[in-house]
Amino acid sequence: MKRCVIVDGYNLLGVRERGFSAGNFMTETARERLILELSGYHQRKGLAVTLVFDGWRDGLASEQREWRSGVEVIYSRRGERADQVIDRLAQELGRACAVVSSDREVSRRARAAGAFVMGSQEFALRLMEAVRPAPLPSDRREEEARPRRAPEKKGNPRKLPKAVRARQRKLKGF
C-alpha cells in the first residue's frame, strides 16, 4: 500500500499565513499556493498527498473530491467538518498514512488509528526546507537543536532518547 500524507488544509494555512482566516478574501490565493507547494512535495517525495478543507458552512450537500497537480483535494460536505473527514481517512489507511494537523483531538484520534502525526508547524518547516537547497555539511543546526540531557542521567550524553530517535526515523520517510 502506498504511503500518504493527509493534510488539514485550513489548519496548515493558519500556521503559515499570518492574519489568515477562512473568511478572508485571500483564501483562494492561499489555497492555490498551498496546492502548488504540496504538488511539488508530492513529486519530490513520491507520497500520495490528500488535502482536506472545511466545507461544513458553505459547502455542497455532498463531499467534493478533485485532483489538482497530483494532489487530491477534498472539501467536506455541508454540516461535516474537515476533522471528521480526516478521522475517516486515518481509520481507513491506518499505519500507511501521516496526518498533518495541530488540532489535538484530530491528532489523538489519528494516533489511535495507527497513523503517524505531525504538527502543522513542523510540516510547514519541512515544506519550506523541501523548496530550499540542502544545507552545507558544516551547518550545525541539527546538533544545536538537540535536547540537552540533565547531568544526572546515565548513558551516552550525545545520543538522543529512544523515543526521539524513533520519531526521527519515521520523519525521514516524510
Foldseek 3Di string as FASTA:
>chain_A
DAAAEEEAAVQLLPLVDPPDDCPDPCNVVSSVVVLVLVLVVCVVLVGAYEYEYEPQDPAAQQWDWDADNRHIYIYHHHNDGSLVVLLVVLLVQACRYEYEDQDPVSQVSSVVSRHHYDYSNVVVVVSVVVVDDDDDPVDCPVQVPADADDPVDDDDRSDHDPVVVVSVVVVVSD
